[in-house]
Amino acid sequence: MKYIGPLLPSLLLLLLTKPLCSQVAPEAVIQEGGPESYVTYLPGNMPLIISIPHGGYLMPEEVPERTCVNCARNQDIFTLEIGLDVRDAIYDMAGYYPHVIINNLHRTRLDPNRNVEEAADGNQNAEKAWYRFQGYIDSARALVTGEFGKGLFIDLHGHRHLIMRTELGYLLSGEELQFDDEMLDLGTFIEFSSIRNLVSANSGALSFSRLLRGPLSLGSMLSDIGYPTVPSSEIPFPAAGEPFFSGGYNTTRHGSSSGGTIDGIQIELDLDLRNDLSRREKLAEDLAMVLLDFLRIHYFPDLGFSPTGDAR
């Protein structure tokens, strides 16, 4: 089966007697000015959490530039805008909001996709922001687990690699993805993957390798609608020597590799997609659609909403 766009709700959605998600619009947890404004939490009412760690713009004097050796400082430009557009698109399509957690500090000041020592480089204000960022994700995970039993965490990034394609991180290296399906389906790789829980609990009983790069994997769903993605059926692994982001601190901490029922995937969008405004707007809509379908196909076959706009 090949994914070619939004699934027909009349055929594949079961009407629920009680909606899975509340349609009450949640209020943002944000304060104006000072350290309280460094992190924004937009609460959701569905089993999807999106974090945006590297899209912030703030460079306040009380948070100096990080001087740690070999610290990454590049902003993932336009990921903040894309993440918020995805949130809006999901609401427009389905009537529900994902949980969204945003680091508003520029990456020169804070990198919340690292442990606190490297992330904040010893600055107390940056450390407080790091704990707030991670704490909001922890809270969102607890809410999703308590209400739905399971869910999906997306860590949204942008890469600057010369190969213009989307990269998906499941905590498997590019070299590990080069193994054949039979090898990947061994327990060793599954155990350390950020979608460990999904392997044992997905609705279609798909194998790990099929979830990584089969026809209904997230990568193949994106590839099928015009976004070359690795891993996917089209590009099952990066070739030897090609750069690839396999997932970082947030995907490790908040995915299911160490337990729990919230799976994690790091999404790395290429620079061309992010720089072009018209492509960026369509990307947000397409990404919202695919995430909704991915949730319904693998987590909640009778999910109470449709990516075509008919809230159920």
Protein backbone atom coordinates (compact mmCIF):
# COMPACT_ATOMS: atom_id res chain seq x y z
CA MET A 1 0.00 0.00 0.00
CA LYS A 2 1.37 3.40 -0.98
CA TYR A 3 0.38 6.57 0.82
CA ILE A 4 -0.79 9.16 -1.74
CA GLY A 5 -2.45 11.79 0.41
CA PRO A 6 -5.21 12.17 3.00
CA LEU A 7 -7.18 8.99 3.56
CA LEU A 8 -10.89 9.11 2.80
CA PRO A 9 -12.68 9.63 6.10
CA SER A 10 -15.90 8.11 4.80
CA LEU A 11 -14.08 4.81 4.31
CA LEU A 12 -11.41 4.74 6.97
CA LEU A 13 -12.69 6.73 9.95
CA LEU A 14 -15.01 5.20 12.49
CA LEU A 15 -17.40 7.61 14.14
CA LEU A 16 -16.95 7.74 17.87
CA THR A 17 -19.75 8.15 20.35
CA LYS A 18 -17.38 10.30 22.39
CA PRO A 19 -14.70 12.52 20.76
CA LEU A 20 -11.14 11.43 21.50
CA CYS A 21 -9.96 15.02 21.95
CA SER A 22 -11.53 18.08 23.50
CA GLN A 23 -12.15 20.87 20.97
CA VAL A 24 -11.81 23.65 23.53
CA ALA A 25 -9.00 25.95 22.39
CA PRO A 26 -6.22 25.82 25.03
CA GLU A 27 -4.63 28.99 26.33
CA ALA A 28 -0.95 29.72 25.89
CA VAL A 29 1.38 29.59 28.88
CA ILE A 30 3.54 32.65 28.22
CA GLN A 31 4.54 35.72 30.20
CA GLU A 32 5.65 39.06 28.81
CA GLY A 33 9.20 40.26 29.34
CA GLY A 34 12.20 38.97 31.25
CA PRO A 35 13.24 35.36 31.78
CA GLU A 36 9.60 34.22 31.82
CA SER A 37 9.36 35.02 28.10
CA TYR A 38 12.26 32.79 27.09
CA VAL A 39 10.05 29.72 26.65
CA THR A 40 6.49 29.46 25.34
CA TYR A 41 4.14 26.55 25.93
CA LEU A 42 1.02 26.33 23.76
CA PRO A 43 -1.02 23.53 25.37
CA GLY A 44 -2.82 21.09 23.13
CA ASN A 45 -5.78 18.74 23.26
CA MET A 46 -4.58 15.83 21.12
CA PRO A 47 -1.83 13.16 21.36
CA LEU A 48 0.82 15.14 19.47
CA ILE A 49 3.65 17.22 20.95
CA ILE A 50 5.91 19.47 18.85
CA SER A 51 9.03 21.13 20.24
CA ILE A 52 10.93 23.89 18.46
CA PRO A 53 14.33 24.21 20.17
CA HIS A 54 16.42 26.19 17.66
CA GLY A 55 14.07 28.70 16.04
CA GLY A 56 14.23 31.47 18.66
CA TYR A 57 15.36 35.05 18.06
CA LEU A 58 15.89 36.58 21.52
CA MET A 59 19.41 37.72 22.50
CA PRO A 60 18.91 39.42 25.88
CA GLU A 61 21.85 40.96 27.72
CA GLU A 62 21.20 38.84 30.80
CA VAL A 63 21.85 35.69 28.73
CA PRO A 64 25.34 36.07 27.19
CA GLU A 65 26.53 34.23 24.13
CA ARG A 66 27.67 30.69 24.79
CA THR A 67 31.45 30.37 24.53
CA CYS A 68 31.77 26.60 24.94
CA VAL A 69 34.18 24.90 22.54
CA ASN A 70 32.53 23.37 19.46
CA CYS A 71 29.06 24.49 20.55
CA ALA A 72 26.57 24.67 17.68
CA ARG A 73 25.22 28.22 17.38
CA ASN A 74 23.35 28.31 14.06
CA GLN A 75 19.67 29.15 14.26
CA ASP A 76 17.31 26.73 12.48
CA ILE A 77 15.79 29.58 10.51
CA PHE A 78 12.02 29.65 10.04
CA THR A 79 11.40 26.51 12.09
CA LEU A 80 9.54 28.65 14.63
CA GLU A 81 7.26 30.00 11.91
CA ILE A 82 6.78 26.56 10.34
CA GLY A 83 5.97 24.96 13.69
CA LEU A 84 3.32 27.55 14.47
CA ASP A 85 1.89 27.20 10.96
CA VAL A 86 1.69 23.43 11.42
CA ARG A 87 -0.22 24.01 14.66
CA ASP A 88 -2.67 26.32 12.89
CA ALA A 89 -3.03 23.94 9.95
CA ILE A 90 -3.83 21.01 12.23
CA TYR A 91 -6.52 23.09 13.89
CA ASP A 92 -7.93 24.17 10.52
CA MET A 93 -7.99 20.58 9.26
CA ALA A 94 -9.12 18.76 12.37
CA GLY A 95 -10.31 21.20 15.00
CA TYR A 96 -7.64 20.20 17.56
CA TYR A 97 -4.33 21.60 18.74
CA PRO A 98 -1.02 19.80 19.24
CA HIS A 99 1.05 20.73 22.28
CA VAL A 100 3.80 23.12 21.13
CA ILE A 101 6.87 24.07 23.19
CA ILE A 102 9.11 26.88 21.88
CA ASN A 103 12.54 28.07 22.93
CA ASN A 104 12.49 31.80 22.15
CA LEU A 105 16.19 32.31 22.87
CA HIS A 106 18.59 32.34 19.94
CA ARG A 107 20.80 29.28 19.77
CA THR A 108 23.85 31.42 20.56
CA ARG A 109 22.25 31.85 24.02
CA LEU A 110 20.65 28.45 24.62
CA ASP A 111 20.59 25.08 22.90
CA PRO A 112 17.89 23.00 24.62
CA ASN A 113 18.69 19.99 22.43
CA ARG A 114 21.75 19.36 24.60
CA ASN A 115 22.30 18.49 28.26
CA VAL A 116 21.99 21.50 30.53
CA GLU A 117 25.74 21.99 30.92
CA GLU A 118 26.35 22.42 27.20
CA ALA A 119 22.95 23.96 26.53
CA ALA A 120 23.30 26.90 28.93
CA ASP A 121 27.10 27.13 29.25
CA GLY A 122 26.83 27.90 32.97
CA ASN A 123 24.48 30.92 32.77
CA GLN A 124 21.76 30.74 35.41
CA ASN A 125 19.09 32.46 33.30
CA ALA A 126 19.77 30.08 30.41
CA GLU A 127 19.64 27.14 32.80
CA LYS A 128 16.24 28.26 34.09
CA ALA A 129 15.00 28.47 30.50
CA TRP A 130 16.37 24.98 29.76
CA TYR A 131 14.55 23.48 32.74
CA ARG A 132 11.37 25.31 31.78
CA PHE A 133 11.59 24.05 28.18
CA GLN A 134 12.21 20.45 29.20
CA GLY A 135 9.64 20.68 31.98
CA TYR A 136 6.91 21.80 29.61
CA ILE A 137 7.63 18.83 27.35
CA ASP A 138 7.55 16.53 30.38
CA SER A 139 4.20 18.03 31.37
CA ALA A 140 2.78 17.63 27.88
CA ARG A 141 3.94 14.00 27.77
CA ALA A 142 2.26 13.34 31.12
CA LEU A 143 -0.97 14.93 29.91
CA VAL A 144 -0.99 12.95 26.66
CA THR A 145 -0.17 9.71 28.45
CA GLY A 146 -2.86 10.28 31.05
CA GLU A 147 -5.58 11.17 28.54
CA PHE A 148 -4.74 8.99 25.56
CA GLY A 149 -2.37 6.32 26.81
CA LYS A 150 0.18 6.98 24.05
CA GLY A 151 1.25 9.64 21.59
CA LEU A 152 3.92 11.15 19.37
CA PHE A 153 6.64 13.71 20.11
CA ILE A 154 8.19 15.66 17.21
CA ASP A 155 11.41 17.64 17.64
CA LEU A 156 11.37 20.13 14.75
CA HIS A 157 14.68 21.26 13.21
CA GLY A 158 16.24 22.55 10.03
CA HIS A 159 19.52 21.33 8.53
CA ARG A 160 22.04 23.02 6.23
CA HIS A 161 23.27 19.92 4.41
CA LEU A 162 23.86 20.26 0.68
CA ILE A 163 21.47 17.40 -0.12
CA MET A 164 18.04 19.01 -0.13
CA ARG A 165 15.81 16.44 1.54
CA THR A 166 14.05 15.91 4.85
CA GLU A 167 15.91 13.80 7.41
CA LEU A 168 14.09 11.80 10.09
CA GLY A 169 15.89 10.80 13.27
CA TYR A 170 14.90 7.66 15.18
CA LEU A 171 18.23 7.37 17.07
CA LEU A 172 19.68 5.14 14.36
CA SER A 173 22.83 6.33 12.62
CA GLY A 174 23.14 6.50 8.86
CA GLU A 175 25.41 3.47 9.00
CA GLU A 176 22.85 1.49 11.00
CA LEU A 177 20.10 2.35 8.53
CA GLN A 178 22.20 0.71 5.82
CA PHE A 179 21.53 -2.70 7.37
CA ASP A 180 18.87 -4.80 5.66
CA ASP A 181 15.37 -5.08 7.11
CA GLU A 182 15.99 -8.45 8.73
CA MET A 183 18.94 -7.06 10.67
CA LEU A 184 17.08 -3.89 11.70
CA ASP A 185 14.19 -5.95 13.02
CA LEU A 186 16.42 -7.56 15.61
CA GLY A 187 15.65 -6.47 19.15
CA THR A 188 18.95 -4.64 19.64
CA PHE A 189 18.06 -1.84 17.22
CA ILE A 190 14.45 -1.63 18.34
CA GLU A 191 15.43 -1.33 21.99
CA PHE A 192 17.43 1.84 21.44
CA SER A 193 15.06 3.47 18.97
CA SER A 194 12.94 6.49 19.85
CA ILE A 195 9.85 4.67 18.50
CA ARG A 196 10.42 1.57 20.60
CA ASN A 197 6.87 1.63 21.96
CA LEU A 198 5.30 2.00 18.53
CA VAL A 199 7.00 -1.17 17.30
CA SER A 200 5.14 -3.22 19.89
CA ALA A 201 1.88 -1.28 19.82
CA ASN A 202 1.22 0.00 16.27
CA SER A 203 -2.25 -0.71 14.94
CA GLY A 204 -1.11 -2.57 11.84
CA ALA A 205 1.43 -4.77 13.64
CA LEU A 206 4.12 -3.47 11.29
CA SER A 207 7.75 -4.41 11.85
CA PHE A 208 10.37 -1.88 12.90
CA SER A 209 11.87 -1.68 9.42
CA ARG A 210 8.42 -1.07 7.91
CA LEU A 211 7.79 1.74 10.38
CA LEU A 212 11.17 3.24 9.49
CA ARG A 213 10.96 3.04 5.69
CA GLY A 214 7.99 1.00 4.58
CA PRO A 215 5.14 2.43 2.48
CA LEU A 216 3.34 3.80 5.55
CA SER A 217 6.41 5.17 7.32
CA LEU A 218 6.50 8.89 8.00
CA GLY A 219 9.34 9.25 5.49
CA SER A 220 7.44 7.48 2.72
CA MET A 221 4.28 9.45 3.42
CA LEU A 222 6.25 12.67 2.98
CA SER A 223 8.12 11.36 -0.07
CA ASP A 224 4.88 10.30 -1.75
CA ILE A 225 3.57 13.87 -1.73
CA GLY A 226 6.75 15.45 -3.07
CA TYR A 227 9.20 15.76 -0.18
CA PRO A 228 12.27 13.54 -0.65
CA THR A 229 12.94 12.05 2.76
CA VAL A 230 15.44 9.69 4.38
CA PRO A 231 14.67 7.06 5.59
CA SER A 232 11.77 6.15 3.29
CA SER A 233 10.93 3.58 0.65
CA GLU A 234 12.48 5.90 -1.93
CA ILE A 235 15.63 6.65 0.10
CA PRO A 236 15.98 3.88 2.70
CA PHE A 237 19.26 5.17 4.10
CA PRO A 238 21.88 7.88 3.50
CA ALA A 239 24.75 6.73 1.31
CA ALA A 240 28.18 6.27 2.85
CA GLY A 241 29.69 9.63 3.69
CA GLU A 242 26.45 11.59 3.37
CA PRO A 243 25.58 13.77 6.38
CA PHE A 244 22.56 12.72 8.40
CA PHE A 245 21.01 13.77 11.71
CA SER A 246 19.85 10.70 13.61
CA GLY A 247 18.20 12.44 16.56
CA GLY A 248 19.57 14.32 19.54
CA TYR A 249 19.05 14.95 23.23
CA ASN A 250 15.34 15.77 23.00
CA THR A 251 14.48 12.73 20.90
CA THR A 252 16.41 10.55 23.32
CA ARG A 253 14.89 12.07 26.44
CA HIS A 254 11.30 12.36 25.28
CA GLY A 255 10.95 9.39 22.92
CA SER A 256 10.28 5.83 24.05
CA SER A 257 13.82 4.41 23.87
CA SER A 258 14.06 4.42 27.66
CA GLY A 259 10.44 3.45 28.23
CA GLY A 260 7.02 5.04 28.24
CA THR A 261 4.41 5.26 25.50
CA ILE A 262 5.35 8.55 23.85
CA ASP A 263 7.41 7.92 20.72
CA GLY A 264 9.82 10.51 19.35
CA ILE A 265 10.97 11.52 15.87
CA GLN A 266 13.38 14.32 15.00
CA ILE A 267 12.36 16.09 11.80
CA GLU A 268 15.10 17.98 9.93
CA LEU A 269 13.82 20.21 7.11
CA ASP A 270 16.18 21.32 4.35
CA LEU A 271 17.12 24.95 3.77
CA ASP A 272 15.37 25.33 0.41
CA LEU A 273 12.03 24.37 1.93
CA ARG A 274 12.46 26.83 4.78
CA ASN A 275 13.76 29.78 2.75
CA ASP A 276 10.97 29.87 0.16
CA LEU A 277 7.85 31.48 1.66
CA SER A 278 5.39 29.92 -0.80
CA ARG A 279 6.91 26.45 -0.30
CA ARG A 280 7.02 27.02 3.44
CA GLU A 281 3.28 27.68 3.63
CA LYS A 282 2.46 24.55 1.64
CA LEU A 283 4.97 22.55 3.66
CA ALA A 284 3.18 23.42 6.90
CA GLU A 285 -0.14 22.24 5.49
CA ASP A 286 1.34 19.04 4.07
CA LEU A 287 3.26 18.26 7.25
CA ALA A 288 0.12 18.79 9.31
CA MET A 289 -1.84 16.46 7.03
CA VAL A 290 0.80 13.72 7.15
CA LEU A 291 1.18 13.91 10.94
CA LEU A 292 -2.58 13.57 11.36
CA ASP A 293 -2.64 10.56 9.06
CA PHE A 294 0.41 9.03 10.74
CA LEU A 295 -1.31 9.28 14.12
CA ARG A 296 -4.50 7.74 12.81
CA ILE A 297 -2.86 4.92 10.84
CA HIS A 298 -0.44 3.77 13.53
CA TYR A 299 -1.86 4.95 16.85
CA PHE A 300 -5.61 5.55 16.70
CA PRO A 301 -7.38 3.94 13.71
CA ASP A 302 -10.68 5.39 14.86
CA LEU A 303 -9.27 8.78 15.80
CA GLY A 304 -12.00 11.36 16.26
CA PHE A 305 -10.86 13.81 13.58
CA SER A 306 -9.98 13.94 9.91
CA PRO A 307 -7.18 15.79 8.08
CA THR A 308 -9.74 16.89 5.50
CA GLY A 309 -11.36 19.25 7.97
CA ASP A 310 -14.30 17.24 9.30
CA ALA A 311 -13.95 17.21 13.07
CA ARG A 312 -15.63 14.10 14.42
